[in-house]
């Protein structure tokens, strides 16, 4: 989720304002690149500015993690009834989610967002549970190692090992080994794209699909969206620099395709991709460029840009109606992909 969310009581009161009062508070709609920001989301950004809340990467790593932990679940949608089980995958804590009464299912190895520095199984618990039920699959969330304690490529190694082990243990986990995908949001989407590349290079097993939700795919990027949404839309350029500074050991890492899959010389033969971006996100153009390169390489791609939303919208799908619509569309696309 985010570091900007106002206290729950404040958020609820704002989002329940009558439309005329909401319009009076906010004034003009926010329009950039022909995109109009969702009005409920605009309210939260307005509260963020008024309350002077710190950004995602403000302060120390300890402070940022504590803030992320407090706020990551404030706006999530309560998941439908489901089952969950704690387990260990490739030496890392993991958690499996499934619809109640499910038997053998398709699977998704889920890698959480948080800039490779923040987040854990708890921060994305509701998101993973919701996807498991809506998609009709078994989601295995993996708590990969975080930077700066474990810089690049530790998270890549954990993600790749976790995918391979989940496929190897498919029968025991109640999965169809031929229908196991890999996916995640933000930094987790980055890791998912890299896993798809590594599996191709190793000759398999390959993911059924790679699900990339507002992915970071180029650590050298200065795409136009980085400038247009550099500040004021939750994820800022300062935050991106902070995350990269903790994750990467230097310029060579930034150019490594295991950190920047958009820079891989050849994308042919990787898993089919579902690429979902947000219109008001500095990472928007990276996602679009990656989808275009995948298509040019002959990879089957389903691409959608949620033009009225911000980075992190999956974790806002409780009160934000547009975010909930986007989450349901993602689940439908994942169902088709798996």
Protein backbone atom coordinates (compact mmCIF):
# COMPACT_ATOMS: atom_id res chain seq x y z
CA UNK A 1 0.00 0.00 0.00
CA UNK A 2 1.14 3.52 0.68
CA UNK A 3 2.58 5.88 3.22
CA UNK A 4 0.07 8.63 2.55
CA UNK A 5 -3.25 7.27 3.82
CA UNK A 6 -4.99 9.58 6.32
CA UNK A 7 -6.35 8.10 9.56
CA UNK A 8 -9.27 5.69 8.90
CA UNK A 9 -11.91 7.98 10.43
CA UNK A 10 -10.71 10.89 8.30
CA UNK A 11 -10.62 8.76 5.14
CA UNK A 12 -14.13 7.41 5.71
CA UNK A 13 -15.56 10.86 6.39
CA UNK A 14 -13.96 12.30 3.27
CA UNK A 15 -15.09 9.50 1.00
CA UNK A 16 -18.67 9.76 2.24
CA UNK A 17 -19.00 13.48 1.53
CA UNK A 18 -22.03 14.33 -0.63
CA UNK A 19 -21.05 15.05 -4.21
CA UNK A 20 -21.76 18.83 -4.09
CA UNK A 21 -19.68 19.25 -0.94
CA UNK A 22 -16.92 17.09 -2.38
CA UNK A 23 -16.86 19.26 -5.48
CA UNK A 24 -16.69 22.40 -3.35
CA UNK A 25 -13.73 21.01 -1.38
CA UNK A 26 -11.78 19.80 -4.40
CA UNK A 27 -12.59 22.37 -7.06
CA UNK A 28 -11.51 21.41 -10.55
CA UNK A 29 -10.91 17.87 -11.61
CA UNK A 30 -7.28 16.82 -12.14
CA UNK A 31 -6.60 16.16 -15.83
CA UNK A 32 -3.17 15.11 -17.14
CA UNK A 33 -2.44 13.64 -20.57
CA UNK A 34 -6.17 13.59 -21.29
CA UNK A 35 -6.75 11.42 -18.20
CA UNK A 36 -9.08 12.49 -15.39
CA UNK A 37 -8.13 11.42 -11.88
CA UNK A 38 -10.79 9.49 -9.98
CA UNK A 39 -12.61 11.91 -7.68
CA UNK A 40 -12.41 9.73 -4.55
CA UNK A 41 -8.69 9.30 -5.08
CA UNK A 42 -8.37 13.05 -5.49
CA UNK A 43 -9.95 13.44 -2.05
CA UNK A 44 -7.31 11.26 -0.45
CA UNK A 45 -4.52 13.24 -2.11
CA UNK A 46 -6.17 16.44 -0.90
CA UNK A 47 -6.14 15.07 2.66
CA UNK A 48 -2.53 14.02 2.27
CA UNK A 49 -1.52 17.59 1.39
CA UNK A 50 -3.57 19.13 4.20
CA UNK A 51 -2.25 16.74 6.85
CA UNK A 52 1.35 16.91 5.62
CA UNK A 53 1.77 13.14 5.79
CA UNK A 54 5.24 11.72 5.01
CA UNK A 55 5.97 10.02 1.71
CA UNK A 56 6.71 6.36 1.09
CA UNK A 57 10.47 6.77 1.39
CA UNK A 58 10.62 9.43 4.10
CA UNK A 59 12.99 8.92 7.02
CA UNK A 60 14.89 5.77 7.87
CA UNK A 61 14.14 2.31 6.57
CA UNK A 62 12.84 1.39 10.02
CA UNK A 63 10.46 4.37 10.01
CA UNK A 64 9.26 3.67 6.47
CA UNK A 65 8.58 0.02 7.24
CA UNK A 66 6.63 0.86 10.38
CA UNK A 67 4.56 3.45 8.50
CA UNK A 68 3.92 1.05 5.62
CA UNK A 69 2.83 -1.63 8.07
CA UNK A 70 0.37 0.73 9.76
CA UNK A 71 -1.20 2.00 6.55
CA UNK A 72 -0.98 -0.89 4.09
CA UNK A 73 -4.34 -2.40 5.07
CA UNK A 74 -6.43 0.71 5.80
CA UNK A 75 -8.13 0.89 2.39
CA UNK A 76 -8.12 -2.75 1.27
CA UNK A 77 -11.33 -4.55 0.38
CA UNK A 78 -12.32 -7.18 2.97
CA UNK A 79 -11.76 -10.48 1.15
CA UNK A 80 -14.50 -13.08 0.65
CA UNK A 81 -14.37 -16.22 2.83
CA UNK A 82 -11.24 -18.22 2.06
CA UNK A 83 -8.70 -20.63 3.49
CA UNK A 84 -5.10 -19.80 4.25
CA UNK A 85 -2.13 -21.82 5.42
CA UNK A 86 1.34 -20.86 6.62
CA UNK A 87 4.22 -22.68 4.94
CA UNK A 88 7.85 -22.36 3.92
CA UNK A 89 8.89 -22.15 0.28
CA UNK A 90 12.55 -22.18 -0.77
CA UNK A 91 13.52 -21.38 2.80
CA UNK A 92 11.29 -18.30 3.02
CA UNK A 93 8.03 -17.76 4.94
CA UNK A 94 5.03 -18.10 2.62
CA UNK A 95 1.26 -18.23 2.81
CA UNK A 96 -1.21 -20.12 0.63
CA UNK A 97 -4.74 -18.81 -0.05
CA UNK A 98 -7.61 -20.64 -1.73
CA UNK A 99 -11.39 -20.57 -2.07
CA UNK A 100 -13.18 -22.60 0.60
CA UNK A 101 -13.64 -26.24 -0.36
CA UNK A 102 -11.24 -26.00 -3.30
CA UNK A 103 -9.51 -29.05 -4.72
CA UNK A 104 -6.81 -29.02 -7.39
CA UNK A 105 -6.46 -25.48 -8.75
CA UNK A 106 -4.34 -23.27 -10.97
CA UNK A 107 -1.72 -21.43 -8.96
CA UNK A 108 -0.07 -18.03 -8.70
CA UNK A 109 3.20 -17.33 -6.92
CA UNK A 110 2.60 -13.80 -5.64
CA UNK A 111 5.43 -11.33 -4.93
CA UNK A 112 4.41 -8.23 -2.98
CA UNK A 113 5.19 -4.62 -3.75
CA UNK A 114 7.07 -2.17 -1.56
CA UNK A 115 10.10 -1.09 -3.56
CA UNK A 116 12.13 -4.19 -2.57
CA UNK A 117 12.49 -2.49 0.85
CA UNK A 118 9.00 -2.52 2.38
CA UNK A 119 6.14 -5.00 2.68
CA UNK A 120 5.65 -8.59 3.77
CA UNK A 121 2.97 -11.26 3.95
CA UNK A 122 0.76 -9.06 6.13
CA UNK A 123 0.86 -5.97 3.93
CA UNK A 124 -0.68 -7.88 1.00
CA UNK A 125 -2.72 -10.46 2.92
CA UNK A 126 -6.15 -9.16 1.89
CA UNK A 127 -5.06 -8.57 -1.71
CA UNK A 128 -3.84 -12.16 -2.07
CA UNK A 129 -6.94 -13.61 -0.40
CA UNK A 130 -9.22 -11.57 -2.64
CA UNK A 131 -7.38 -12.67 -5.79
CA UNK A 132 -7.49 -16.34 -4.77
CA UNK A 133 -11.27 -16.27 -4.42
CA UNK A 134 -12.06 -13.98 -7.37
CA UNK A 135 -9.72 -15.78 -9.76
CA UNK A 136 -10.44 -19.28 -8.47
CA UNK A 137 -6.82 -20.19 -7.90
CA UNK A 138 -4.42 -20.99 -5.11
CA UNK A 139 -2.19 -17.98 -4.40
CA UNK A 140 1.16 -18.68 -2.75
CA UNK A 141 2.58 -15.41 -1.38
CA UNK A 142 6.33 -15.44 -0.69
CA UNK A 143 8.13 -13.24 1.85
CA UNK A 144 11.33 -12.66 -0.13
CA UNK A 145 14.38 -10.98 1.39
CA UNK A 146 14.36 -7.18 1.49
CA UNK A 147 16.98 -4.50 0.89
CA UNK A 148 19.07 -2.83 2.19
CA UNK A 149 19.93 -5.79 4.41
CA UNK A 150 19.77 -8.03 1.34
CA UNK A 151 20.40 -5.93 -1.79
CA UNK A 152 20.00 -7.00 -5.41
CA UNK A 153 19.96 -9.79 -6.49
CA UNK A 154 18.75 -11.46 -3.26
CA UNK A 155 15.06 -10.83 -3.97
CA UNK A 156 15.48 -12.17 -7.51
CA UNK A 157 17.09 -15.34 -6.22
CA UNK A 158 14.31 -15.87 -3.69
CA UNK A 159 11.56 -15.24 -6.23
CA UNK A 160 13.01 -17.61 -8.83
CA UNK A 161 13.68 -20.35 -6.27
CA UNK A 162 10.17 -19.96 -4.86
CA UNK A 163 8.52 -20.35 -8.25
CA UNK A 164 10.54 -23.46 -9.07
CA UNK A 165 9.77 -25.04 -5.69
CA UNK A 166 6.05 -24.31 -5.92
CA UNK A 167 5.92 -26.06 -9.29
CA UNK A 168 7.93 -28.99 -7.92
CA UNK A 169 5.54 -29.30 -4.95
CA UNK A 170 2.41 -28.71 -7.02
CA UNK A 171 0.72 -31.99 -6.12
CA UNK A 172 1.27 -31.51 -2.39
CA UNK A 173 0.03 -27.91 -2.63
CA UNK A 174 -3.11 -28.83 -4.55
CA UNK A 175 -1.96 -27.22 -7.79
CA UNK A 176 -2.02 -28.12 -11.45
CA UNK A 177 1.73 -27.88 -12.28
CA UNK A 178 0.94 -26.87 -15.87
CA UNK A 179 -1.07 -23.87 -14.69
CA UNK A 180 1.16 -22.03 -12.21
CA UNK A 181 1.79 -18.37 -12.94
CA UNK A 182 3.91 -15.72 -11.29
CA UNK A 183 2.74 -12.23 -10.50
CA UNK A 184 2.90 -9.24 -8.23
CA UNK A 185 2.55 -5.51 -7.94
CA UNK A 186 5.20 -2.79 -8.34
CA UNK A 187 8.52 -4.27 -7.14
CA UNK A 188 6.80 -7.65 -7.04
CA UNK A 189 5.82 -7.22 -10.68
CA UNK A 190 9.46 -6.44 -11.46
CA UNK A 191 10.51 -9.70 -9.81
CA UNK A 192 7.76 -11.58 -11.66
CA UNK A 193 8.97 -10.31 -15.04
CA UNK A 194 12.51 -11.33 -14.11
CA UNK A 195 11.36 -14.81 -13.03
CA UNK A 196 9.73 -15.25 -16.43
CA UNK A 197 13.04 -14.33 -18.11
CA UNK A 198 15.10 -16.63 -15.88
CA UNK A 199 12.73 -19.55 -16.46
CA UNK A 200 12.99 -19.06 -20.21
CA UNK A 201 16.78 -18.94 -20.05
CA UNK A 202 16.92 -22.06 -17.88
CA UNK A 203 14.64 -23.98 -20.22
CA UNK A 204 11.73 -24.26 -17.78
CA UNK A 205 9.54 -24.91 -16.00
CA UNK A 206 7.87 -21.79 -17.32
CA UNK A 207 5.08 -19.77 -15.73
CA UNK A 208 1.65 -20.19 -17.29
CA UNK A 209 1.48 -16.39 -17.22
CA UNK A 210 3.28 -13.39 -15.77
CA UNK A 211 0.93 -10.94 -14.05
CA UNK A 212 2.55 -7.49 -13.87
CA UNK A 213 0.58 -4.85 -11.97
CA UNK A 214 2.05 -1.33 -12.25
CA UNK A 215 5.53 -2.86 -12.78
CA UNK A 216 8.90 -1.21 -12.36
CA UNK A 217 10.89 -2.60 -15.29
CA UNK A 218 13.71 -0.09 -15.95
CA UNK A 219 15.88 1.23 -13.12
CA UNK A 220 17.54 3.68 -15.54
CA UNK A 221 14.22 5.11 -16.73
CA UNK A 222 13.54 8.81 -17.21
CA UNK A 223 10.37 8.23 -19.23
CA UNK A 224 7.96 11.17 -19.60
CA UNK A 225 5.61 9.80 -16.93
CA UNK A 226 8.43 10.06 -14.39
CA UNK A 227 8.44 13.80 -14.97
CA UNK A 228 4.68 14.33 -15.31
CA UNK A 229 3.93 12.53 -12.05
CA UNK A 230 7.15 13.32 -10.20
CA UNK A 231 5.26 14.58 -7.15
CA UNK A 232 1.74 14.89 -5.87
CA UNK A 233 0.41 11.47 -6.95
CA UNK A 234 1.49 9.19 -4.10
CA UNK A 235 4.58 7.50 -5.56
CA UNK A 236 7.09 10.27 -6.26
CA UNK A 237 10.42 10.45 -8.03
CA UNK A 238 12.09 10.99 -4.65
CA UNK A 239 10.51 7.74 -3.45
CA UNK A 240 11.72 5.89 -6.54
CA UNK A 241 15.29 7.14 -6.00
CA UNK A 242 15.08 6.11 -2.33
CA UNK A 243 13.96 2.59 -3.21
CA UNK A 244 16.55 2.17 -5.96
CA UNK A 245 19.27 3.50 -3.68
CA UNK A 246 18.56 0.81 -1.11
CA UNK A 247 18.02 -2.05 -3.56
CA UNK A 248 20.78 -1.56 -6.12
CA UNK A 249 24.49 -1.67 -5.37
CA UNK A 250 25.45 0.65 -8.21
CA UNK A 251 24.97 1.67 -11.84
CA UNK A 252 25.87 -1.79 -13.16
CA UNK A 253 22.97 -3.30 -11.20
CA UNK A 254 20.57 -0.75 -12.69
CA UNK A 255 21.47 -1.95 -16.20
CA UNK A 256 21.29 -5.64 -15.32
CA UNK A 257 18.19 -7.24 -16.95
CA UNK A 258 17.52 -8.99 -13.62
CA UNK A 259 16.80 -5.51 -12.22
CA UNK A 260 15.62 -3.88 -15.46
CA UNK A 261 13.90 -6.52 -17.61
CA UNK A 262 13.01 -3.83 -20.16
CA UNK A 263 16.75 -3.76 -20.98
CA UNK A 264 16.94 -7.50 -21.71
CA UNK A 265 18.31 -7.91 -25.23
CA UNK A 266 15.73 -10.55 -26.21
CA UNK A 267 12.24 -11.13 -24.79
CA UNK A 268 11.24 -13.91 -27.16
CA UNK A 269 9.84 -17.03 -25.55
CA UNK A 270 8.88 -15.63 -22.16
CA UNK A 271 5.52 -16.44 -20.59
CA UNK A 272 2.34 -14.71 -21.81
CA UNK A 273 1.88 -11.45 -19.96
CA UNK A 274 -0.90 -9.48 -18.31
CA UNK A 275 0.35 -5.89 -17.89
CA UNK A 276 -1.77 -3.46 -15.88
CA UNK A 277 -0.71 0.13 -15.25
CA UNK A 278 -2.17 3.22 -13.61
CA UNK A 279 -2.65 6.45 -15.50
CA UNK A 280 -1.32 8.74 -12.74
CA UNK A 281 1.81 6.72 -11.99
CA UNK A 282 5.45 7.61 -12.71
CA UNK A 283 5.90 3.98 -13.80
CA UNK A 284 3.11 4.12 -16.38
CA UNK A 285 5.33 4.56 -19.43
CA UNK A 286 7.71 1.79 -18.34
CA UNK A 287 4.80 -0.64 -18.22
CA UNK A 288 3.59 0.45 -21.65
CA UNK A 289 7.08 0.14 -23.13
CA UNK A 290 7.50 -3.35 -21.69
CA UNK A 291 4.16 -4.50 -23.08
CA UNK A 292 5.15 -3.14 -26.48
CA UNK A 293 8.51 -4.93 -26.42
CA UNK A 294 6.86 -8.19 -25.40
CA UNK A 295 4.38 -7.93 -28.27
CA UNK A 296 7.18 -7.14 -30.71
CA UNK A 297 8.95 -10.29 -29.51
CA UNK A 298 5.89 -12.39 -30.31
CA UNK A 299 4.71 -12.79 -26.70
CA UNK A 300 0.96 -12.83 -26.10
CA UNK A 301 0.09 -9.71 -24.06
CA UNK A 302 -3.08 -8.40 -22.47
CA UNK A 303 -2.51 -4.77 -21.52
CA UNK A 304 -4.75 -2.35 -19.68
CA UNK A 305 -4.13 1.09 -18.23
CA UNK A 306 -6.45 2.16 -15.41
CA UNK A 307 -6.31 5.75 -16.56
CA UNK A 308 -8.06 7.35 -13.56
CA UNK A 309 -6.03 5.68 -10.79
CA UNK A 310 -2.72 5.86 -8.93
CA UNK A 311 0.12 3.48 -8.21
CA UNK A 312 -1.00 1.12 -5.46
CA UNK A 313 -4.69 1.00 -6.39
CA UNK A 314 -5.02 -2.72 -5.55
CA UNK A 315 -4.66 -1.78 -1.89
CA UNK A 316 -7.32 0.94 -2.17
CA UNK A 317 -10.12 -1.30 -3.43
CA UNK A 318 -12.22 -1.07 -0.26
CA UNK A 319 -13.68 2.45 -0.34
CA UNK A 320 -12.38 3.58 -3.75
CA UNK A 321 -14.99 2.40 -6.25
CA UNK A 322 -12.76 2.84 -9.30
CA UNK A 323 -10.01 0.80 -7.62
CA UNK A 324 -12.48 -1.97 -6.85
CA UNK A 325 -13.61 -2.00 -10.47
CA UNK A 326 -9.97 -2.30 -11.55
CA UNK A 327 -9.32 -5.14 -9.07
CA UNK A 328 -12.30 -7.09 -10.39
CA UNK A 329 -11.14 -6.57 -13.99
CA UNK A 330 -7.69 -7.83 -13.02
CA UNK A 331 -9.21 -10.96 -11.47
CA UNK A 332 -11.21 -11.64 -14.63
CA UNK A 333 -8.09 -11.29 -16.80
CA UNK A 334 -6.12 -13.56 -14.46
CA UNK A 335 -8.85 -16.18 -14.61
CA UNK A 336 -8.51 -16.23 -18.41
CA UNK A 337 -4.70 -16.30 -18.24
CA UNK A 338 -4.44 -19.20 -15.78
